[in-house]
């Protein structure tokens, strides 16, 4: 059970790919994997079950960068990640993306989001847990987020998740010891 980071940005493919590689979100060994970098338009089409030029399934394991993402694409990304996992049907199956079964299926993953701009508001509201950056942030994003980061650093979020899981695990161990 780990943390998977996906970059959703409105910029073009090459710049988004470079940022993904520079930040470590896009791993160099996954850069050439089909579906690791896709456009927001293609993500929306896949989610709605419409044909695209892509001939492969998009999986959350490899999806790292969504470029050219609009407000709606970012909101769709949250829903896509919450409902997708390796055991669930993919694009090519009858019950896959775009089907009513997929759209009405319950979430199988907890998806968080970090945002700062007006394009992030829908995504922040859709996410189970949302964070707003503290510096250079639009007021709508700040009010849409569950929490505001003191430092605009993704590593703070990862450290908080790791510590939170450790606290939960220790609490569960304690409770199990108390049950005769």
Protein backbone atom coordinates (compact mmCIF):
# COMPACT_ATOMS: atom_id res chain seq x y z
CA UNK A 1 0.00 0.00 0.00
CA UNK A 2 1.94 2.99 -1.25
CA UNK A 3 1.52 6.51 -2.47
CA UNK A 4 1.24 7.02 -6.22
CA UNK A 5 1.74 10.58 -7.47
CA UNK A 6 0.27 11.71 -10.79
CA UNK A 7 1.04 15.14 -12.25
CA UNK A 8 -1.96 16.84 -13.87
CA UNK A 9 -1.06 20.06 -15.62
CA UNK A 10 -2.37 22.32 -18.33
CA UNK A 11 1.01 22.65 -20.07
CA UNK A 12 2.13 20.79 -23.20
CA UNK A 13 3.45 17.24 -23.43
CA UNK A 14 7.20 17.89 -23.65
CA UNK A 15 7.28 20.38 -20.76
CA UNK A 16 5.05 18.15 -18.62
CA UNK A 17 7.24 15.11 -19.38
CA UNK A 18 10.37 17.07 -18.38
CA UNK A 19 8.80 18.24 -15.11
CA UNK A 20 7.67 14.68 -14.39
CA UNK A 21 11.20 13.37 -14.94
CA UNK A 22 12.87 16.22 -13.01
CA UNK A 23 10.62 15.74 -9.97
CA UNK A 24 10.76 11.95 -10.00
CA UNK A 25 7.02 11.58 -10.62
CA UNK A 26 7.76 9.99 -13.98
CA UNK A 27 10.39 7.30 -13.56
CA UNK A 28 12.89 7.09 -16.46
CA UNK A 29 12.22 3.35 -16.84
CA UNK A 30 8.48 4.06 -17.24
CA UNK A 31 8.88 6.96 -19.66
CA UNK A 32 8.48 4.72 -22.70
CA UNK A 33 5.66 2.62 -21.18
CA UNK A 34 2.37 3.08 -23.00
CA UNK A 35 0.04 5.21 -20.92
CA UNK A 36 2.59 6.75 -18.55
CA UNK A 37 2.10 10.16 -20.19
CA UNK A 38 -1.29 10.95 -21.74
CA UNK A 39 -3.31 14.03 -22.64
CA UNK A 40 -6.26 15.19 -20.58
CA UNK A 41 -8.41 14.82 -23.70
CA UNK A 42 -7.45 11.13 -24.07
CA UNK A 43 -8.09 10.50 -20.38
CA UNK A 44 -11.58 12.00 -20.72
CA UNK A 45 -12.32 9.88 -23.81
CA UNK A 46 -11.12 6.68 -22.12
CA UNK A 47 -13.20 7.41 -19.05
CA UNK A 48 -16.28 8.00 -21.21
CA UNK A 49 -15.64 4.86 -23.28
CA UNK A 50 -14.99 6.79 -26.49
CA UNK A 51 -12.42 5.64 -29.05
CA UNK A 52 -8.95 7.19 -28.95
CA UNK A 53 -5.77 6.77 -30.93
CA UNK A 54 -4.41 4.79 -27.96
CA UNK A 55 -4.48 1.01 -28.39
CA UNK A 56 -3.75 0.05 -24.80
CA UNK A 57 -5.20 0.10 -21.32
CA UNK A 58 -4.32 2.95 -19.00
CA UNK A 59 -3.40 1.66 -15.55
CA UNK A 60 -2.80 3.66 -12.37
CA UNK A 61 0.50 1.81 -11.85
CA UNK A 62 2.13 3.52 -14.84
CA UNK A 63 0.06 6.67 -15.33
CA UNK A 64 2.35 9.47 -14.15
CA UNK A 65 1.66 12.60 -16.20
CA UNK A 66 -1.56 14.02 -17.63
CA UNK A 67 -0.76 17.06 -19.78
CA UNK A 68 -3.13 19.61 -21.27
CA UNK A 69 -5.55 18.90 -18.42
CA UNK A 70 -8.62 21.09 -18.07
CA UNK A 71 -10.72 21.50 -14.91
CA UNK A 72 -12.95 18.63 -16.01
CA UNK A 73 -9.98 16.39 -16.91
CA UNK A 74 -8.55 16.85 -13.42
CA UNK A 75 -11.88 15.95 -11.81
CA UNK A 76 -12.10 12.89 -14.08
CA UNK A 77 -8.56 11.89 -13.07
CA UNK A 78 -9.61 11.71 -9.41
CA UNK A 79 -12.59 9.48 -10.27
CA UNK A 80 -10.46 7.34 -12.61
CA UNK A 81 -7.79 6.75 -9.97
CA UNK A 82 -10.34 6.06 -7.23
CA UNK A 83 -12.12 3.39 -9.27
CA UNK A 84 -9.17 1.81 -11.10
CA UNK A 85 -6.99 -1.02 -9.86
CA UNK A 86 -5.31 -4.03 -11.47
CA UNK A 87 -8.18 -6.41 -10.69
CA UNK A 88 -10.86 -4.28 -12.30
CA UNK A 89 -11.76 -4.33 -15.98
CA UNK A 90 -9.84 -2.15 -18.38
CA UNK A 91 -10.58 -0.13 -21.47
CA UNK A 92 -11.00 -3.08 -23.77
CA UNK A 93 -13.59 -4.98 -21.68
CA UNK A 94 -17.38 -4.65 -21.71
CA UNK A 95 -17.52 -3.52 -18.08
CA UNK A 96 -14.50 -1.23 -18.48
CA UNK A 97 -14.16 2.52 -18.58
CA UNK A 98 -17.13 4.30 -20.05
CA UNK A 99 -19.60 1.61 -19.01
CA UNK A 100 -22.31 2.37 -16.47
CA UNK A 101 -20.84 -0.39 -14.27
CA UNK A 102 -17.57 1.51 -14.04
CA UNK A 103 -19.12 4.96 -13.53
CA UNK A 104 -21.41 3.76 -10.74
CA UNK A 105 -18.84 1.48 -9.09
CA UNK A 106 -17.72 2.41 -5.59
CA UNK A 107 -14.21 3.76 -5.13
CA UNK A 108 -11.49 1.19 -4.38
CA UNK A 109 -8.72 3.65 -3.57
CA UNK A 110 -8.41 6.80 -1.50
CA UNK A 111 -7.30 9.61 -3.75
CA UNK A 112 -5.85 12.87 -2.53
CA UNK A 113 -5.07 16.01 -4.48
CA UNK A 114 -2.84 19.04 -4.11
CA UNK A 115 -3.70 22.20 -5.99
CA UNK A 116 -3.31 25.94 -6.02
CA UNK A 117 -5.12 27.36 -9.04
CA UNK A 118 -8.65 27.92 -10.25
CA UNK A 119 -8.30 24.86 -12.53
CA UNK A 120 -7.80 22.69 -9.43
CA UNK A 121 -11.03 23.56 -7.58
CA UNK A 122 -13.18 20.72 -8.99
CA UNK A 123 -10.35 18.23 -8.44
CA UNK A 124 -9.88 19.36 -4.82
CA UNK A 125 -13.60 19.01 -4.12
CA UNK A 126 -13.75 15.54 -5.72
CA UNK A 127 -10.73 14.11 -3.86
CA UNK A 128 -11.20 12.24 -0.58
CA UNK A 129 -8.41 14.33 0.95
CA UNK A 130 -7.28 17.61 -0.57
CA UNK A 131 -4.43 19.97 0.15
CA UNK A 132 -3.87 23.52 -0.98
CA UNK A 133 -0.48 25.09 -1.29
CA UNK A 134 0.19 28.06 0.97
CA UNK A 135 2.16 30.34 -1.32
CA UNK A 136 0.89 31.61 -4.67
CA UNK A 137 -2.58 30.11 -4.26
CA UNK A 138 -5.97 31.23 -5.59
CA UNK A 139 -8.57 31.83 -2.87
CA UNK A 140 -11.08 29.36 -4.38
CA UNK A 141 -8.50 26.56 -4.20
CA UNK A 142 -7.64 27.44 -0.62
CA UNK A 143 -11.31 27.27 0.42
CA UNK A 144 -11.95 24.05 -1.53
CA UNK A 145 -9.10 22.16 0.16
CA UNK A 146 -9.39 20.15 3.36
CA UNK A 147 -5.94 21.27 4.55
CA UNK A 148 -3.46 23.99 3.71
CA UNK A 149 0.21 23.05 3.57
CA UNK A 150 2.49 25.27 5.64
CA UNK A 151 5.42 24.49 3.35
CA UNK A 152 4.70 23.94 -0.33
CA UNK A 153 6.53 20.61 -0.33
CA UNK A 154 5.12 17.29 -1.54
CA UNK A 155 7.51 15.44 0.78
CA UNK A 156 5.62 16.88 3.79
CA UNK A 157 2.47 15.13 2.59
CA UNK A 158 4.30 11.83 2.07
CA UNK A 159 5.89 12.05 5.55
CA UNK A 160 2.46 12.76 7.08
CA UNK A 161 0.97 9.71 5.35
CA UNK A 162 3.83 7.47 6.53
CA UNK A 163 3.51 8.71 10.14
CA UNK A 164 -0.27 8.42 10.05
CA UNK A 165 -0.07 4.81 8.86
CA UNK A 166 2.46 4.03 11.61
CA UNK A 167 0.11 5.49 14.25
CA UNK A 168 -2.81 3.50 12.83
CA UNK A 169 -0.79 0.27 12.78
CA UNK A 170 0.33 0.76 16.38
CA UNK A 171 -3.23 1.51 17.48
CA UNK A 172 -4.48 -1.66 15.76
CA UNK A 173 -1.77 -3.74 17.48
CA UNK A 174 -2.75 -2.25 20.84
CA UNK A 175 -6.43 -2.98 20.26
CA UNK A 176 -5.73 -6.56 19.17
CA UNK A 177 -3.72 -7.16 22.35
CA UNK A 178 -6.64 -5.92 24.44
CA UNK A 179 -9.11 -8.39 22.97
CA UNK A 180 -9.00 -11.69 24.91
